[in-house]
Amino acid sequence: MSTIIKIPVVNALGKTNGCEKAPDVILQEMEDIYSTEDLRVPIYDTQKIKINLQNLEETNETIYKEAKKFLQRQGRIIFLGGDHSISYSLVRAFFETHQDAGLLVLDAHADCMNNFKPPTHEDWLRTLLEERIVKPENVLLVGLRNLHPIERDFLNENKVNSFSAREIFESGLKESAHSIMGIMRMHKNLYLSLDIDVVDPAFAPAVSYPEPGGLTTRELLHFIQKILLLKNLKAADIVEVNPEKDNALTVKLAAKIVTELL
């Protein structure tokens, strides 16, 4: 049985306020989804990591320690944020508990800006790489379409693999999915970090940093369904859904994504 873990956390920058409401709203929306697209009935347990929002360093450590416990469970673990800052602690816990781990990030942005302390949604991946928790060759970024020069230089210097949204469009959906699967199947254990802004804002408008030219809903679901065929996906997070900016469209998409992953 899969487990969904609620982590209603945003960092101190203030740009992602509202994302902390997403876990409860997404789970409520899931009550109206009766099956996956291949007609499986999702069975899952729901848990919550209790945190102290007044102390972000303590929060990160709590997420890390609790995630390590949950990651010992049987079945796939789905973490619901919250903003992308939570992925620092979650990926850290995953790579410490799983050998030969790979990280697949679906995101419009690289999240590799200059280091903040503690890590935020803007630099969580850079921090993991600079602290050598994750090796560059074990990371694949998919869906990029707005890179700051700082991030571009960092990715190039560290030789981090990526597929931009434009490359996906030019190569075609099937060919891109085949290439992604080829890279990710090399790892025994796979962690997926999914920032909902990888999707075009026409389909997922309720995000903090909307970027035109993203994936459609159908394209994202195709990628997820192909990734599930690899059988090595052990855990995932879905982040950056902001119910305060939505007419329920983005929440409905997030609920469908979670259901497919169960």
Foldseek 3Di string as FASTA:
>chain_A
DEEEEEELAADDPPLQPQFSPQPVLLVVLLVPPQAAPVRHGDDYHYYYQDADRVDVVRRLVSLLVVLLVVLVDPAAYEYEYDAQLNVLSNLLSVLVNDPQEAEEEQDQEPLCDPDDVPRHNNRSVVVCPVVVSDQLLRYEYELHDDYDPRRVVVCVVRVRHYHHLVNCVVCDLVRVLVVVLVSRLVGQAYEYEYELLLEACVQQVQFSDHDHSHHHLVSVVVSLLSNVVSVRYRYYYYGGGRPVGDPCRNSSSVSNSVNNRD
